[in-house]
């Protein structure tokens, strides 16, 4: 009887969701993507956004600024000045490049949503929280990078102790390769790393360098560090890399110096990139943290609710969402979904707050993502 009641409840929920989908109006969103076409992470953000849009009756238009701040400004201003402006404008505030766009959109009455990087420093003081100074800046969604950076550091140190990668001074010697010294996400990752290692008396950070998110630059920096370590007789235990491309560059340097990544030297990265997942599977990387490219899909979920009168501000207009680590213990749960970019398998409607009458209440965790993923259909 209990199973029948549960089944009837599930069928009723599906019927309610179907009725809601039939009644809702289509929404137009423009996303000014700061990355380059073909840049894995930002393409994945776009892919999850499009998948959510297809399911939730949201017309998603994506334009790429190709890592050019002038182009980003031009594209954003063009969207604001369009004869048929979007209902919502999603933008990434990289190095404050989006600020004039958000101000112009606010004046034009276009609702804006900041993704990944929100206002910081003087901007945060000037504008305050969403919907205060800028009434049409309705919210932001940023990843918890500080926790990710610390989690990566812990995995690296734990692996070093487990595999006894200590130098003659009984310490674990690490190389840290950050992304840059300017962007909030990079700063938060690095702070997470340093906050963890500062609590460990068994860890020495030999170098903290910045690779500008670049695999080639990371390879050069890692090679120089390994050369120095060999000359001074220090055994390197691991490389903390701020993202997966940096980790992959470091792996190349490790191999060139005659070490075996994963066996002799541990490496951690961040992004859940397909390339890094393959390295985790092969045992050449300890883990890749991340999942933040799903912020593209999560933003569409939140804006769909907002358009339907279920305001996410009830749970906070400026919010942070958790990342998660992928290692060999849980790789099989996510590998196929990401490697094949099978994001249409995800039931994005299951994340909506409106059908459950819990506006602003979202669970964007890895467990929730896995629960919402449809199994691959058998041939």
Protein backbone atom coordinates (compact mmCIF):
# COMPACT_ATOMS: atom_id res chain seq x y z
CA UNK A 1 0.00 0.00 0.00
CA UNK A 2 2.82 2.40 0.89
CA UNK A 3 4.42 1.83 -2.53
CA UNK A 4 1.09 2.55 -4.25
CA UNK A 5 0.71 5.81 -2.29
CA UNK A 6 4.25 6.85 -3.24
CA UNK A 7 3.58 6.01 -6.89
CA UNK A 8 0.36 8.01 -6.90
CA UNK A 9 2.20 10.92 -5.27
CA UNK A 10 4.89 10.83 -7.93
CA UNK A 11 2.29 10.71 -10.71
CA UNK A 12 0.42 13.64 -9.17
CA UNK A 13 3.66 15.67 -8.98
CA UNK A 14 4.40 14.90 -12.63
CA UNK A 15 0.90 16.01 -13.57
CA UNK A 16 1.30 19.27 -11.63
CA UNK A 17 4.67 19.92 -13.30
CA UNK A 18 3.19 19.15 -16.72
CA UNK A 19 0.32 21.59 -16.14
CA UNK A 20 2.78 24.26 -14.99
CA UNK A 21 4.92 23.73 -18.08
CA UNK A 22 1.89 24.03 -20.34
CA UNK A 23 0.78 27.27 -18.69
CA UNK A 24 4.09 29.14 -18.54
CA UNK A 25 5.19 31.68 -21.12
CA UNK A 26 8.50 31.46 -22.94
CA UNK A 27 11.29 33.61 -21.58
CA UNK A 28 14.18 35.15 -23.52
CA UNK A 29 17.67 35.12 -21.98
CA UNK A 30 20.95 36.42 -23.39
CA UNK A 31 24.18 35.16 -21.87
CA UNK A 32 27.38 37.07 -22.58
CA UNK A 33 29.94 34.28 -22.25
CA UNK A 34 33.38 35.70 -21.33
CA UNK A 35 35.27 32.71 -22.73
CA UNK A 36 36.36 31.61 -26.16
CA UNK A 37 34.41 29.25 -28.38
CA UNK A 38 36.06 25.89 -27.84
CA UNK A 39 37.26 26.77 -24.33
CA UNK A 40 36.11 23.66 -22.48
CA UNK A 41 34.86 25.16 -19.23
CA UNK A 42 32.87 28.02 -20.74
CA UNK A 43 31.48 25.75 -23.46
CA UNK A 44 30.24 23.44 -20.70
CA UNK A 45 28.56 26.39 -18.97
CA UNK A 46 26.79 27.17 -22.24
CA UNK A 47 25.85 23.52 -22.80
CA UNK A 48 24.16 23.15 -19.40
CA UNK A 49 22.39 26.48 -19.92
CA UNK A 50 21.01 25.38 -23.30
CA UNK A 51 19.91 21.99 -21.93
CA UNK A 52 18.00 23.66 -19.10
CA UNK A 53 16.52 26.19 -21.53
CA UNK A 54 15.21 23.46 -23.82
CA UNK A 55 13.39 21.79 -20.94
CA UNK A 56 12.10 24.91 -19.21
CA UNK A 57 10.76 26.95 -22.15
CA UNK A 58 13.58 29.47 -22.02
CA UNK A 59 15.04 30.78 -25.28
CA UNK A 60 18.77 31.05 -24.59
CA UNK A 61 20.98 33.16 -26.84
CA UNK A 62 24.70 32.92 -26.13
CA UNK A 63 27.34 35.31 -27.44
CA UNK A 64 31.06 34.88 -26.78
CA UNK A 65 33.43 37.73 -25.95
CA UNK A 66 36.48 35.58 -26.74
CA UNK A 67 38.30 36.68 -23.56
CA UNK A 68 38.23 40.29 -24.78
CA UNK A 69 36.84 42.78 -22.27
CA UNK A 70 36.12 45.36 -24.99
CA UNK A 71 34.12 42.77 -26.92
CA UNK A 72 32.27 41.79 -23.75
CA UNK A 73 31.29 45.42 -23.21
CA UNK A 74 30.14 45.79 -26.83
CA UNK A 75 28.06 42.61 -26.74
CA UNK A 76 26.45 43.51 -23.43
CA UNK A 77 25.60 47.02 -24.55
CA UNK A 78 24.19 45.68 -27.82
CA UNK A 79 21.86 43.38 -25.87
CA UNK A 80 20.69 46.32 -23.74
CA UNK A 81 20.10 48.52 -26.79
CA UNK A 82 18.40 45.78 -28.85
CA UNK A 83 15.03 46.51 -30.41
CA UNK A 84 13.84 43.25 -28.82
CA UNK A 85 15.76 43.14 -25.54
CA UNK A 86 15.89 39.97 -23.46
CA UNK A 87 13.76 39.36 -20.41
CA UNK A 88 16.98 38.55 -18.56
CA UNK A 89 20.64 39.29 -19.20
CA UNK A 90 23.20 36.93 -17.67
CA UNK A 91 26.73 38.25 -17.41
CA UNK A 92 30.03 37.37 -15.74
CA UNK A 93 31.75 40.25 -13.95
CA UNK A 94 35.33 39.33 -14.80
CA UNK A 95 37.73 42.05 -13.64
CA UNK A 96 34.77 44.47 -13.34
CA UNK A 97 34.22 44.44 -17.11
CA UNK A 98 30.47 43.91 -16.69
CA UNK A 99 29.83 46.86 -14.38
CA UNK A 100 28.81 49.44 -17.04
CA UNK A 101 26.59 46.83 -18.72
CA UNK A 102 24.74 46.10 -15.49
CA UNK A 103 24.28 49.82 -14.87
CA UNK A 104 22.98 50.38 -18.41
CA UNK A 105 20.64 47.40 -18.18
CA UNK A 106 19.35 48.67 -14.85
CA UNK A 107 18.53 52.05 -16.42
CA UNK A 108 16.83 50.32 -19.35
CA UNK A 109 14.69 48.17 -17.08
CA UNK A 110 16.33 44.88 -18.13
CA UNK A 111 16.74 42.35 -15.36
CA UNK A 112 20.36 41.22 -14.97
CA UNK A 113 21.86 38.21 -13.22
CA UNK A 114 25.54 37.90 -12.36
CA UNK A 115 27.07 34.47 -12.81
CA UNK A 116 30.32 33.06 -11.41
CA UNK A 117 31.87 36.45 -10.47
CA UNK A 118 29.76 39.08 -8.72
CA UNK A 119 30.67 42.55 -7.45
CA UNK A 120 33.62 42.76 -5.07
CA UNK A 121 35.67 45.45 -3.34
CA UNK A 122 34.69 49.02 -4.15
CA UNK A 123 31.87 47.81 -6.46
CA UNK A 124 30.33 45.73 -3.68
CA UNK A 125 30.40 48.76 -1.38
CA UNK A 126 28.90 50.98 -4.08
CA UNK A 127 26.08 48.68 -5.17
CA UNK A 128 25.43 46.66 -2.04
CA UNK A 129 23.14 43.66 -2.35
CA UNK A 130 21.05 42.89 -5.45
CA UNK A 131 17.91 45.02 -5.81
CA UNK A 132 19.11 47.81 -3.51
CA UNK A 133 21.01 50.45 -5.52
CA UNK A 134 20.48 48.64 -8.82
CA UNK A 135 16.86 47.50 -8.67
CA UNK A 136 17.05 45.47 -11.88
CA UNK A 137 20.18 43.60 -10.85
CA UNK A 138 18.08 40.82 -9.37
CA UNK A 139 20.66 38.32 -8.19
CA UNK A 140 23.93 36.47 -8.44
CA UNK A 141 25.11 32.88 -8.29
CA UNK A 142 28.71 32.15 -7.36
CA UNK A 143 30.55 28.91 -6.56
CA UNK A 144 32.11 28.23 -3.15
CA UNK A 145 35.69 28.30 -4.38
CA UNK A 146 37.25 28.72 -0.95
CA UNK A 147 35.94 25.35 0.19
CA UNK A 148 37.02 23.76 -3.09
CA UNK A 149 40.58 25.07 -2.74
CA UNK A 150 40.82 23.68 0.79
CA UNK A 151 39.30 20.35 -0.25
CA UNK A 152 41.88 20.01 -3.03
CA UNK A 153 44.71 20.79 -0.62
CA UNK A 154 43.48 18.16 1.83
CA UNK A 155 43.27 15.51 -0.91
CA UNK A 156 46.83 16.33 -1.99
CA UNK A 157 48.22 16.16 1.54
CA UNK A 158 46.28 13.00 2.41
CA UNK A 159 47.64 11.29 -0.71
CA UNK A 160 51.17 12.45 0.11
CA UNK A 161 50.97 10.94 3.58
CA UNK A 162 49.31 7.78 2.31
CA UNK A 163 52.03 7.19 -0.30
CA UNK A 164 54.84 8.46 1.97
CA UNK A 165 56.05 11.21 -0.35
CA UNK A 166 57.98 12.95 2.40
CA UNK A 167 61.35 14.58 1.75
CA UNK A 168 64.40 13.98 3.97
CA UNK A 169 63.12 16.66 6.35
CA UNK A 170 59.98 14.50 6.86
CA UNK A 171 57.85 17.21 5.21
CA UNK A 172 55.54 17.12 2.22
CA UNK A 173 56.86 19.68 -0.28
CA UNK A 174 54.22 21.19 -2.56
CA UNK A 175 54.05 23.42 -5.61
CA UNK A 176 50.93 25.60 -5.82
CA UNK A 177 49.94 26.94 -9.23
CA UNK A 178 47.20 29.55 -8.96
CA UNK A 179 45.10 30.97 -11.78
CA UNK A 180 45.71 34.69 -11.40
CA UNK A 181 46.07 37.29 -8.67
CA UNK A 182 43.02 39.42 -9.61
CA UNK A 183 39.75 37.56 -10.13
CA UNK A 184 37.59 36.72 -7.08
CA UNK A 185 37.28 33.04 -7.97
CA UNK A 186 41.04 32.66 -8.29
CA UNK A 187 41.68 34.51 -5.05
CA UNK A 188 39.12 32.36 -3.20
CA UNK A 189 40.65 29.11 -4.48
CA UNK A 190 44.11 30.18 -3.42
CA UNK A 191 42.88 31.33 -0.02
CA UNK A 192 41.23 27.94 0.48
CA UNK A 193 44.54 26.25 -0.28
CA UNK A 194 46.63 28.48 1.98
CA UNK A 195 44.11 28.35 4.84
CA UNK A 196 44.40 24.55 4.88
CA UNK A 197 48.17 24.16 4.51
CA UNK A 198 48.82 26.80 7.17
CA UNK A 199 47.28 24.41 9.69
CA UNK A 200 49.66 21.60 8.72
CA UNK A 201 53.09 21.41 10.32
CA UNK A 202 54.00 18.54 7.98
CA UNK A 203 53.61 20.65 4.80
CA UNK A 204 56.00 23.05 3.09
CA UNK A 205 54.79 25.16 0.15
CA UNK A 206 57.98 25.65 -1.86
CA UNK A 207 56.40 27.89 -4.47
CA UNK A 208 53.08 29.69 -4.98
CA UNK A 209 53.06 30.83 -8.61
CA UNK A 210 50.38 31.96 -11.06
CA UNK A 211 49.93 30.29 -14.45
CA UNK A 212 47.20 32.61 -15.85
CA UNK A 213 44.89 29.62 -16.34
CA UNK A 214 47.23 28.41 -19.07
CA UNK A 215 48.46 24.83 -19.54
CA UNK A 216 51.60 25.87 -21.41
CA UNK A 217 52.56 28.41 -18.75
CA UNK A 218 51.84 25.86 -16.04
CA UNK A 219 54.11 23.35 -17.76
CA UNK A 220 56.95 25.89 -17.82
CA UNK A 221 56.50 26.87 -14.17
CA UNK A 222 56.25 23.25 -13.02
CA UNK A 223 59.31 22.28 -15.02
CA UNK A 224 61.37 25.07 -13.42
CA UNK A 225 60.21 24.05 -9.96
CA UNK A 226 61.04 20.38 -10.55
CA UNK A 227 64.46 21.35 -11.87
CA UNK A 228 65.07 23.36 -8.71
CA UNK A 229 63.84 20.51 -6.53
CA UNK A 230 66.19 18.05 -8.22
CA UNK A 231 69.15 20.40 -7.86
CA UNK A 232 68.50 20.99 -4.17
CA UNK A 233 67.71 17.38 -3.31
CA UNK A 234 64.07 18.01 -2.36
CA UNK A 235 61.49 15.37 -3.10
CA UNK A 236 58.36 17.05 -4.52
CA UNK A 237 55.18 15.51 -3.12
CA UNK A 238 52.47 17.20 -5.13
CA UNK A 239 51.11 20.00 -7.29
CA UNK A 240 47.99 21.97 -6.35
CA UNK A 241 46.57 23.42 -9.59
CA UNK A 242 43.83 26.06 -9.65
CA UNK A 243 42.13 24.46 -12.64
CA UNK A 244 42.37 21.39 -14.85
CA UNK A 245 44.36 22.93 -17.72
CA UNK A 246 47.01 24.00 -15.18
CA UNK A 247 47.01 20.48 -13.75
CA UNK A 248 47.40 18.96 -17.22
CA UNK A 249 50.32 21.28 -17.96
CA UNK A 250 51.97 20.25 -14.69
CA UNK A 251 51.52 16.58 -15.58
CA UNK A 252 53.45 17.14 -18.81
CA UNK A 253 56.30 18.71 -16.87
CA UNK A 254 56.30 15.87 -14.34
CA UNK A 255 56.61 13.31 -17.11
CA UNK A 256 59.37 15.26 -18.87
CA UNK A 257 61.41 15.20 -15.67
CA UNK A 258 61.12 11.41 -15.47
CA UNK A 259 58.52 11.21 -12.71
CA UNK A 260 55.24 9.29 -12.90
CA UNK A 261 52.23 11.54 -12.17
CA UNK A 262 50.00 9.91 -9.62
CA UNK A 263 52.64 7.48 -8.49
CA UNK A 264 55.62 9.73 -7.68
CA UNK A 265 53.92 13.11 -7.49
CA UNK A 266 50.27 13.84 -6.75
CA UNK A 267 48.27 16.35 -8.78
CA UNK A 268 44.88 17.92 -8.09
CA UNK A 269 42.86 20.23 -10.33
CA UNK A 270 39.46 21.85 -10.65
CA UNK A 271 36.82 21.97 -13.41
CA UNK A 272 35.53 18.41 -13.91
CA UNK A 273 36.86 18.71 -17.46
CA UNK A 274 36.62 15.56 -19.63
CA UNK A 275 40.41 15.52 -19.96
CA UNK A 276 40.92 15.64 -16.19
CA UNK A 277 38.30 12.96 -15.58
CA UNK A 278 40.28 10.72 -17.94
CA UNK A 279 43.46 11.42 -15.95
CA UNK A 280 41.65 10.61 -12.68
CA UNK A 281 40.45 7.35 -14.18
CA UNK A 282 44.02 6.52 -15.25
CA UNK A 283 45.30 7.29 -11.75
CA UNK A 284 47.47 10.17 -12.93
CA UNK A 285 45.42 12.79 -11.04
CA UNK A 286 44.14 12.38 -7.51
CA UNK A 287 40.95 14.34 -8.12
CA UNK A 288 39.30 17.21 -9.93
CA UNK A 289 36.99 19.43 -7.92
CA UNK A 290 34.23 21.49 -9.50
CA UNK A 291 30.87 21.08 -11.14
CA UNK A 292 30.50 24.85 -11.33
CA UNK A 293 29.84 24.77 -15.07
CA UNK A 294 26.38 23.56 -14.03
CA UNK A 295 25.84 27.14 -12.86
CA UNK A 296 24.66 27.75 -16.42
CA UNK A 297 21.77 25.34 -15.90
CA UNK A 298 21.15 26.46 -12.32
CA UNK A 299 20.82 30.09 -13.44
CA UNK A 300 18.11 29.12 -15.93
CA UNK A 301 16.25 27.21 -13.19
CA UNK A 302 16.31 30.28 -10.95
CA UNK A 303 15.22 32.66 -13.70
CA UNK A 304 12.42 30.32 -14.78
CA UNK A 305 11.09 30.38 -11.23
CA UNK A 306 11.46 34.17 -11.10
CA UNK A 307 9.54 34.59 -14.35
CA UNK A 308 6.79 32.35 -12.95
CA UNK A 309 6.40 34.49 -9.84
CA UNK A 310 8.43 32.26 -7.51
CA UNK A 311 11.16 34.71 -6.51
CA UNK A 312 14.44 33.06 -5.56
CA UNK A 313 15.24 36.09 -3.35
CA UNK A 314 13.20 34.37 -0.65
CA UNK A 315 16.33 32.28 -0.08
CA UNK A 316 18.77 35.10 -0.79
CA UNK A 317 19.21 37.05 -4.02
CA UNK A 318 23.01 36.71 -3.85
CA UNK A 319 23.82 33.10 -3.24
CA UNK A 320 26.67 30.63 -3.26
CA UNK A 321 26.44 27.01 -4.34
CA UNK A 322 28.63 24.03 -3.40
CA UNK A 323 31.19 22.30 -5.57
CA UNK A 324 32.23 18.66 -5.20
CA UNK A 325 35.31 16.53 -5.76
CA UNK A 326 35.51 13.69 -8.25
CA UNK A 327 38.06 10.95 -7.62
CA UNK A 328 38.24 7.27 -8.51
CA UNK A 329 35.71 6.40 -5.80
CA UNK A 330 32.84 8.31 -7.42
CA UNK A 331 34.06 8.85 -10.98
CA UNK A 332 31.67 6.32 -12.51
CA UNK A 333 28.69 8.31 -11.21
CA UNK A 334 29.48 11.40 -13.29
CA UNK A 335 31.95 10.36 -16.00
CA UNK A 336 29.55 9.47 -18.80
CA UNK A 337 27.33 12.49 -18.17
CA UNK A 338 30.23 14.94 -18.50
CA UNK A 339 32.43 13.13 -21.01
CA UNK A 340 29.53 12.84 -23.44
CA UNK A 341 28.01 16.22 -22.48
CA UNK A 342 24.71 14.39 -22.03
CA UNK A 343 23.09 17.22 -20.15
CA UNK A 344 19.66 16.59 -21.64
CA UNK A 345 19.56 13.54 -19.35
CA UNK A 346 19.23 15.88 -16.38
CA UNK A 347 15.67 16.65 -15.29
CA UNK A 348 16.16 20.35 -14.72
CA UNK A 349 12.48 20.73 -13.85
CA UNK A 350 13.14 18.71 -10.69
CA UNK A 351 15.24 21.62 -9.38
CA UNK A 352 12.44 24.18 -9.77
CA UNK A 353 11.15 25.61 -6.50
CA UNK A 354 7.74 26.71 -7.75
CA UNK A 355 6.11 23.26 -8.15
CA UNK A 356 7.05 22.50 -4.54
CA UNK A 357 5.98 25.96 -3.29
CA UNK A 358 9.43 26.50 -1.73
CA UNK A 359 10.57 29.66 -3.48
CA UNK A 360 14.28 30.25 -3.04
CA UNK A 361 14.96 26.74 -1.73
CA UNK A 362 17.41 24.96 -4.06
CA UNK A 363 19.60 21.90 -3.74
CA UNK A 364 22.35 22.14 -6.35
CA UNK A 365 24.55 19.48 -4.74
CA UNK A 366 26.24 16.57 -6.52
CA UNK A 367 23.81 14.11 -4.92
CA UNK A 368 20.83 16.11 -6.19
CA UNK A 369 22.38 16.25 -9.65
CA UNK A 370 22.86 12.48 -9.73
CA UNK A 371 19.29 11.90 -8.54
CA UNK A 372 18.00 14.10 -11.36
CA UNK A 373 20.00 12.33 -14.09
CA UNK A 374 18.06 9.91 -16.23
CA UNK A 375 19.80 6.60 -16.97
CA UNK A 376 21.11 6.03 -20.50
CA UNK A 377 18.50 4.26 -22.58
CA UNK A 378 19.41 0.70 -23.52
CA UNK A 379 19.91 -0.07 -27.20
